[in-house]
């Protein structure tokens, strides 16, 4: 009975902190204090009564998802984050008990949740949040591996920054938009000078008029520095080997979530050849993996698969480059996938690594 009450207490505390994390994330996007003013409707700014501010419960049973003052619907983000945080708190407590490791992991999870919210809502990662995440990652790594093994988070952090920066630059030059003509450059030179002081070189800007294509063109990278901060935290927490595995897994997670919608969009725009090349690459890669696990492929068959895969990969990149030249880049947050992959690898990295080497890499 006592254990059940403790778990219930942890669940309630988690839900309350989840409510606070919503405030931290949303007010970071509006540059408001997280203390004052008190909780208010995001639409009409009417103060929220205490009985409408009970995590999860109030959303469904008191104000029923609508502001009492203006009647506008309140985002489902609030109960989702509150419930998710409560479940995470209970899970970590059950796994590790009342220990310092539990406290450090909960801090890590809380700041990760805030970053996921801001990144999903506005492709924006607050720099101070990122530094807290990196610091917490280093502390967890030192606690687990021992303070004498400080090289693990240090090398992992450096590797995370280096790998993500290389990917950002390389991806830009693979699919960058064609350069403007000298005449176009001359016409836009004055505008660029005016915008130069207004636009910070940091990717993370909460300006609603932020233009991803202007940022990419100016900084010559496919995505912003915010993801580099997260890769640094991932490396500090996992070490460089498992950080690479987390990046590999995050790409898979991102593809699973984004690729269907991306392909539907391409079909609507009638980019059928690009859709065919991408689909062919995925199908042939899956076919190769299935056949290689069922039967032993000879050298020539393996080479044939590699050649075909390279053909469709190059064709996809070239056609994607043409699409970017026509329509520009789209901002798709990568941070949530990287953070989720990092935590998956943190808890189940050894099992996943064994599976990969047994069924894919070998």
Protein backbone atom coordinates (compact mmCIF):
# COMPACT_ATOMS: atom_id res chain seq x y z
CA UNK A 1 0.00 0.00 0.00
CA UNK A 2 2.83 2.37 0.88
CA UNK A 3 4.56 1.67 -2.43
CA UNK A 4 1.31 2.39 -4.29
CA UNK A 5 0.90 5.73 -2.51
CA UNK A 6 4.49 6.69 -3.34
CA UNK A 7 3.94 5.87 -7.01
CA UNK A 8 0.72 7.93 -6.99
CA UNK A 9 2.61 10.83 -5.40
CA UNK A 10 5.35 10.62 -8.04
CA UNK A 11 2.69 10.53 -10.77
CA UNK A 12 1.00 13.68 -9.41
CA UNK A 13 4.32 15.51 -9.01
CA UNK A 14 5.22 14.56 -12.58
CA UNK A 15 1.93 15.93 -13.92
CA UNK A 16 2.40 19.22 -12.01
CA UNK A 17 5.94 19.61 -13.34
CA UNK A 18 4.64 18.80 -16.81
CA UNK A 19 2.23 21.73 -16.45
CA UNK A 20 5.17 23.95 -15.50
CA UNK A 21 7.20 22.69 -18.49
CA UNK A 22 4.39 23.83 -20.78
CA UNK A 23 4.71 27.30 -19.27
CA UNK A 24 8.50 27.33 -19.61
CA UNK A 25 8.37 26.28 -23.27
CA UNK A 26 5.54 28.54 -24.41
CA UNK A 27 6.78 31.62 -22.58
CA UNK A 28 10.24 31.09 -24.00
CA UNK A 29 8.64 31.59 -27.41
CA UNK A 30 7.04 34.87 -26.32
CA UNK A 31 9.93 36.15 -24.15
CA UNK A 32 7.68 36.31 -21.09
CA UNK A 33 8.65 35.59 -17.51
CA UNK A 34 7.85 32.08 -16.28
CA UNK A 35 6.77 33.56 -12.93
CA UNK A 36 4.58 36.54 -13.80
CA UNK A 37 1.91 37.00 -14.92
CA UNK A 38 0.08 33.95 -13.50
CA UNK A 39 -1.40 31.29 -15.80
CA UNK A 40 -3.63 32.84 -18.46
CA UNK A 41 -5.53 31.93 -21.58
CA UNK A 42 -3.15 31.99 -24.56
CA UNK A 43 -5.94 33.53 -26.69
CA UNK A 44 -7.57 36.27 -24.60
CA UNK A 45 -5.04 36.43 -21.71
CA UNK A 46 -7.79 35.98 -19.10
CA UNK A 47 -6.39 34.63 -15.78
CA UNK A 48 -6.99 30.92 -15.21
CA UNK A 49 -8.72 29.92 -11.97
CA UNK A 50 -6.95 27.49 -9.68
CA UNK A 51 -9.58 24.79 -10.26
CA UNK A 52 -9.01 25.11 -14.01
CA UNK A 53 -5.28 24.62 -13.51
CA UNK A 54 -5.23 21.06 -12.16
CA UNK A 55 -3.01 19.02 -14.53
CA UNK A 56 -4.88 16.74 -16.97
CA UNK A 57 -8.03 16.68 -14.81
CA UNK A 58 -9.07 20.28 -15.45
CA UNK A 59 -8.73 20.01 -19.21
CA UNK A 60 -11.29 17.22 -19.44
CA UNK A 61 -13.58 17.83 -16.45
CA UNK A 62 -13.67 21.52 -15.45
CA UNK A 63 -13.20 23.84 -18.43
CA UNK A 64 -13.42 20.90 -20.91
CA UNK A 65 -10.78 22.15 -23.29
CA UNK A 66 -12.26 25.65 -23.76
CA UNK A 67 -11.50 29.00 -22.15
CA UNK A 68 -14.30 30.11 -19.82
CA UNK A 69 -13.84 33.72 -20.90
CA UNK A 70 -13.54 33.63 -24.70
CA UNK A 71 -14.68 30.09 -25.48
CA UNK A 72 -11.65 29.36 -27.65
CA UNK A 73 -10.35 25.78 -27.71
CA UNK A 74 -7.23 25.18 -25.65
CA UNK A 75 -4.47 23.14 -27.27
CA UNK A 76 -4.32 19.44 -26.43
CA UNK A 77 -0.60 19.98 -25.94
CA UNK A 78 -1.26 20.84 -22.29
CA UNK A 79 -2.75 17.53 -21.09
CA UNK A 80 -0.47 15.52 -23.40
CA UNK A 81 2.71 17.04 -21.96
CA UNK A 82 1.36 16.77 -18.41
CA UNK A 83 0.43 13.10 -18.81
CA UNK A 84 3.68 12.26 -20.62
CA UNK A 85 5.78 13.90 -17.91
CA UNK A 86 3.85 12.04 -15.21
CA UNK A 87 4.47 8.70 -16.94
CA UNK A 88 8.17 9.49 -17.40
CA UNK A 89 8.55 10.44 -13.72
CA UNK A 90 6.87 7.22 -12.60
CA UNK A 91 8.88 5.06 -15.02
CA UNK A 92 12.23 6.53 -13.96
CA UNK A 93 11.32 6.22 -10.28
CA UNK A 94 10.28 2.58 -10.67
CA UNK A 95 13.49 1.81 -12.59
CA UNK A 96 16.01 3.57 -10.33
CA UNK A 97 14.23 4.36 -7.06
CA UNK A 98 15.07 7.27 -4.77
CA UNK A 99 18.59 7.85 -6.06
CA UNK A 100 20.71 10.69 -7.41
CA UNK A 101 20.55 9.00 -10.80
CA UNK A 102 16.76 9.40 -10.78
CA UNK A 103 17.03 13.12 -10.05
CA UNK A 104 19.63 13.68 -12.78
CA UNK A 105 17.63 11.71 -15.34
CA UNK A 106 14.43 13.59 -14.50
CA UNK A 107 16.21 16.92 -14.99
CA UNK A 108 17.47 15.61 -18.32
CA UNK A 109 14.00 14.52 -19.38
CA UNK A 110 12.38 17.80 -18.29
CA UNK A 111 14.69 20.04 -20.28
CA UNK A 112 14.39 17.66 -23.25
CA UNK A 113 10.59 17.99 -23.15
CA UNK A 114 10.86 21.79 -23.17
CA UNK A 115 13.21 21.67 -26.16
CA UNK A 116 10.92 19.28 -28.04
CA UNK A 117 7.96 21.64 -27.52
CA UNK A 118 9.76 24.76 -28.77
CA UNK A 119 11.34 22.89 -31.69
CA UNK A 120 8.06 21.38 -32.87
CA UNK A 121 6.05 24.59 -32.47
CA UNK A 122 8.52 27.00 -34.06
CA UNK A 123 11.73 25.19 -35.02
CA UNK A 124 13.31 27.14 -32.17
CA UNK A 125 15.74 25.93 -29.50
CA UNK A 126 16.54 28.36 -26.70
CA UNK A 127 20.31 28.47 -26.26
CA UNK A 128 20.11 28.47 -22.45
CA UNK A 129 17.90 25.36 -22.58
CA UNK A 130 20.46 23.64 -24.80
CA UNK A 131 23.30 24.44 -22.40
CA UNK A 132 21.30 23.08 -19.46
CA UNK A 133 20.74 19.88 -21.46
CA UNK A 134 24.46 19.59 -22.24
CA UNK A 135 25.40 20.19 -18.59
CA UNK A 136 22.89 17.62 -17.34
CA UNK A 137 24.15 15.11 -19.93
CA UNK A 138 27.73 15.55 -18.73
CA UNK A 139 26.70 15.10 -15.08
CA UNK A 140 24.72 11.92 -15.86
CA UNK A 141 27.65 10.53 -17.85
CA UNK A 142 30.12 11.27 -15.03
CA UNK A 143 27.76 9.73 -12.47
CA UNK A 144 27.36 6.54 -14.50
CA UNK A 145 30.91 6.13 -15.80
CA UNK A 146 32.79 7.67 -12.87
CA UNK A 147 34.33 11.10 -12.57
CA UNK A 148 37.71 9.74 -13.67
CA UNK A 149 36.21 8.85 -17.05
CA UNK A 150 35.69 12.49 -17.99
CA UNK A 151 37.09 11.78 -21.46
CA UNK A 152 33.87 9.90 -22.38
CA UNK A 153 31.57 12.98 -22.26
CA UNK A 154 34.36 15.28 -23.49
CA UNK A 155 35.16 13.28 -26.62
CA UNK A 156 31.47 12.53 -27.19
CA UNK A 157 30.57 16.21 -27.01
CA UNK A 158 33.30 17.18 -29.48
CA UNK A 159 32.33 14.32 -31.80
CA UNK A 160 28.66 15.35 -31.71
CA UNK A 161 29.51 18.91 -32.70
CA UNK A 162 31.94 17.81 -35.43
CA UNK A 163 29.62 15.22 -37.00
CA UNK A 164 26.57 17.49 -37.01
CA UNK A 165 28.51 20.43 -38.47
CA UNK A 166 29.94 18.23 -41.22
CA UNK A 167 26.45 16.94 -42.07
CA UNK A 168 25.04 20.49 -42.08
CA UNK A 169 27.69 21.76 -44.49
CA UNK A 170 27.79 18.65 -46.68
CA UNK A 171 24.00 18.48 -47.00
CA UNK A 172 23.91 22.14 -48.00
CA UNK A 173 26.36 21.65 -50.86
CA UNK A 174 24.59 18.48 -52.02
CA UNK A 175 21.17 20.06 -52.49
CA UNK A 176 21.78 23.81 -52.27
CA UNK A 177 19.83 26.18 -54.45
CA UNK A 178 21.52 27.50 -57.55
CA UNK A 179 23.44 30.73 -57.11
CA UNK A 180 21.78 33.98 -58.08
CA UNK A 181 23.00 35.79 -61.17
CA UNK A 182 25.24 38.88 -60.71
CA UNK A 183 22.27 41.10 -61.57
CA UNK A 184 20.10 39.43 -58.92
CA UNK A 185 22.91 39.73 -56.39
CA UNK A 186 23.22 43.45 -57.13
CA UNK A 187 19.49 43.99 -56.71
CA UNK A 188 19.39 42.19 -53.36
CA UNK A 189 22.65 43.54 -51.92
CA UNK A 190 21.02 46.49 -50.17
CA UNK A 191 18.29 44.29 -48.71
CA UNK A 192 20.90 41.88 -47.40
CA UNK A 193 22.76 44.72 -45.67
CA UNK A 194 19.56 45.89 -44.01
CA UNK A 195 18.68 42.38 -42.83
CA UNK A 196 22.21 41.52 -41.73
CA UNK A 197 21.99 43.31 -38.39
CA UNK A 198 18.43 42.20 -37.77
CA UNK A 199 19.08 38.52 -38.41
CA UNK A 200 21.35 36.79 -35.95
CA UNK A 201 23.68 34.13 -37.20
CA UNK A 202 22.19 31.79 -34.58
CA UNK A 203 19.54 29.50 -36.05
CA UNK A 204 17.41 29.79 -32.96
CA UNK A 205 15.30 32.88 -33.44
CA UNK A 206 11.79 33.35 -32.18
CA UNK A 207 11.03 35.94 -34.85
CA UNK A 208 7.80 34.88 -36.51
CA UNK A 209 9.11 36.28 -39.81
CA UNK A 210 12.16 34.01 -39.74
CA UNK A 211 12.92 32.79 -43.27
CA UNK A 212 14.64 29.41 -43.37
CA UNK A 213 15.83 29.94 -46.94
CA UNK A 214 17.45 33.27 -46.06
CA UNK A 215 19.17 31.66 -43.10
CA UNK A 216 20.44 28.70 -45.16
CA UNK A 217 21.70 30.96 -47.93
CA UNK A 218 23.50 33.26 -45.49
CA UNK A 219 25.10 30.59 -43.31
CA UNK A 220 25.68 27.95 -46.01
CA UNK A 221 24.34 25.03 -43.97
CA UNK A 222 21.31 22.79 -44.41
CA UNK A 223 20.01 23.30 -40.86
CA UNK A 224 20.71 25.42 -37.82
CA UNK A 225 23.09 25.26 -34.90
CA UNK A 226 20.31 24.15 -32.56
CA UNK A 227 20.66 20.55 -33.74
CA UNK A 228 24.42 20.79 -33.14
CA UNK A 229 23.75 21.64 -29.49
CA UNK A 230 21.55 18.56 -29.21
CA UNK A 231 24.18 16.36 -30.88
CA UNK A 232 26.72 17.69 -28.38
CA UNK A 233 24.41 16.71 -25.50
CA UNK A 234 23.84 13.29 -27.07
CA UNK A 235 27.59 12.72 -27.39
CA UNK A 236 28.23 13.87 -23.82
CA UNK A 237 25.60 11.48 -22.49
CA UNK A 238 26.30 8.42 -24.65
CA UNK A 239 29.94 8.68 -25.74
CA UNK A 240 30.92 9.06 -29.38
CA UNK A 241 30.18 5.46 -30.45
CA UNK A 242 26.62 5.36 -29.17
CA UNK A 243 26.08 8.96 -30.26
CA UNK A 244 26.65 7.84 -33.86
CA UNK A 245 24.14 5.05 -33.30
CA UNK A 246 21.65 7.57 -31.91
CA UNK A 247 22.07 9.73 -35.03
CA UNK A 248 21.49 6.70 -37.24
CA UNK A 249 18.34 5.83 -35.30
CA UNK A 250 17.13 9.44 -35.33
CA UNK A 251 17.35 9.52 -39.13
CA UNK A 252 15.19 6.39 -39.25
CA UNK A 253 12.67 7.90 -36.82
CA UNK A 254 12.58 11.14 -38.79
CA UNK A 255 12.07 9.24 -42.04
CA UNK A 256 9.24 7.15 -40.60
CA UNK A 257 7.45 10.28 -39.35
CA UNK A 258 8.17 12.70 -42.20
CA UNK A 259 8.71 10.60 -45.34
CA UNK A 260 5.05 9.60 -45.93
CA UNK A 261 3.88 13.22 -45.71
CA UNK A 262 6.85 14.33 -47.83
CA UNK A 263 6.04 11.80 -50.56
CA UNK A 264 2.35 12.77 -50.54
CA UNK A 265 3.43 16.39 -51.00
CA UNK A 266 5.68 15.44 -53.92
CA UNK A 267 2.82 13.54 -55.55
CA UNK A 268 0.53 16.55 -55.22
CA UNK A 269 3.22 18.65 -56.91
CA UNK A 270 3.60 15.95 -59.61
CA UNK A 271 7.25 15.15 -58.85
CA UNK A 272 6.59 11.53 -59.76
CA UNK A 273 10.14 10.67 -60.85
CA UNK A 274 11.57 11.79 -57.51
CA UNK A 275 8.91 9.75 -55.70
CA UNK A 276 9.82 6.73 -57.84
CA UNK A 277 13.56 7.07 -57.12
CA UNK A 278 13.04 7.46 -53.37
CA UNK A 279 10.58 4.56 -53.25
CA UNK A 280 12.86 2.35 -55.34
CA UNK A 281 15.81 3.07 -53.06
CA UNK A 282 13.80 2.16 -49.93
CA UNK A 283 12.28 -0.98 -51.46
CA UNK A 284 15.59 -2.29 -52.87
CA UNK A 285 17.42 -1.59 -49.59
CA UNK A 286 14.72 -3.48 -47.68
CA UNK A 287 14.83 -6.32 -50.24
CA UNK A 288 18.60 -6.58 -49.90
CA UNK A 289 18.32 -6.78 -46.11
CA UNK A 290 15.64 -9.50 -46.27
CA UNK A 291 17.49 -11.63 -48.84
CA UNK A 292 20.86 -11.30 -47.08
CA UNK A 293 19.30 -12.56 -43.84
CA UNK A 294 17.63 -15.52 -45.56
CA UNK A 295 20.33 -16.63 -47.97
CA UNK A 296 24.00 -15.89 -48.56
CA UNK A 297 24.49 -13.52 -51.49
CA UNK A 298 27.49 -14.05 -53.73
CA UNK A 299 29.92 -11.23 -54.51
CA UNK A 300 28.38 -10.27 -57.85
CA UNK A 301 24.82 -10.14 -56.49
CA UNK A 302 25.95 -7.91 -53.63
CA UNK A 303 27.76 -5.58 -56.06
CA UNK A 304 24.64 -5.43 -58.24
CA UNK A 305 22.53 -4.37 -55.26
CA UNK A 306 25.08 -1.69 -54.30
CA UNK A 307 25.23 -0.29 -57.85
CA UNK A 308 21.43 -0.09 -58.16
CA UNK A 309 21.14 1.53 -54.73
CA UNK A 310 23.81 4.10 -55.63
CA UNK A 311 22.01 4.90 -58.88
CA UNK A 312 18.69 5.62 -57.17
CA UNK A 313 20.42 7.51 -54.33
CA UNK A 314 22.25 9.82 -56.79
CA UNK A 315 19.11 10.25 -58.89
CA UNK A 316 17.09 11.13 -55.78
CA UNK A 317 19.66 13.71 -54.67
CA UNK A 318 19.77 15.33 -58.10
CA UNK A 319 15.99 15.53 -58.38
CA UNK A 320 15.67 16.73 -54.79
CA UNK A 321 18.18 19.45 -55.67
CA UNK A 322 15.98 20.51 -58.59
CA UNK A 323 12.96 20.64 -56.30
CA UNK A 324 14.86 22.81 -53.81
CA UNK A 325 15.92 25.16 -56.60
CA UNK A 326 12.29 25.58 -57.60
CA UNK A 327 10.59 25.78 -54.20
CA UNK A 328 13.28 26.41 -51.59
CA UNK A 329 13.96 24.58 -48.33
CA UNK A 330 11.34 23.60 -45.77
CA UNK A 331 11.97 23.77 -42.03
CA UNK A 332 11.44 20.30 -40.51
CA UNK A 333 12.47 20.00 -36.83
CA UNK A 334 15.05 17.25 -36.34
CA UNK A 335 15.64 17.84 -32.63
CA UNK A 336 12.73 15.71 -31.33
CA UNK A 337 13.87 12.67 -33.33
CA UNK A 338 17.46 13.08 -32.11
CA UNK A 339 16.42 13.44 -28.46
CA UNK A 340 14.06 10.45 -28.61
CA UNK A 341 16.77 8.35 -30.29
CA UNK A 342 19.30 9.44 -27.65
CA UNK A 343 17.10 8.27 -24.80
CA UNK A 344 16.31 5.00 -26.59
CA UNK A 345 20.02 4.31 -27.05
CA UNK A 346 20.73 5.36 -23.45
CA UNK A 347 18.40 2.67 -22.09
CA UNK A 348 18.62 -0.03 -24.79
CA UNK A 349 21.79 0.80 -26.73
CA UNK A 350 23.52 -2.54 -26.15
CA UNK A 351 20.51 -4.52 -27.39
CA UNK A 352 20.10 -2.33 -30.47
CA UNK A 353 23.81 -2.47 -31.29
CA UNK A 354 23.74 -6.27 -31.07
CA UNK A 355 20.72 -6.45 -33.36
CA UNK A 356 22.32 -4.17 -35.95
CA UNK A 357 25.56 -6.11 -36.10
CA UNK A 358 23.75 -9.44 -36.24
CA UNK A 359 21.12 -8.59 -38.86
CA UNK A 360 22.27 -5.54 -40.81
CA UNK A 361 25.97 -4.69 -40.66
CA UNK A 362 27.17 -8.30 -40.88
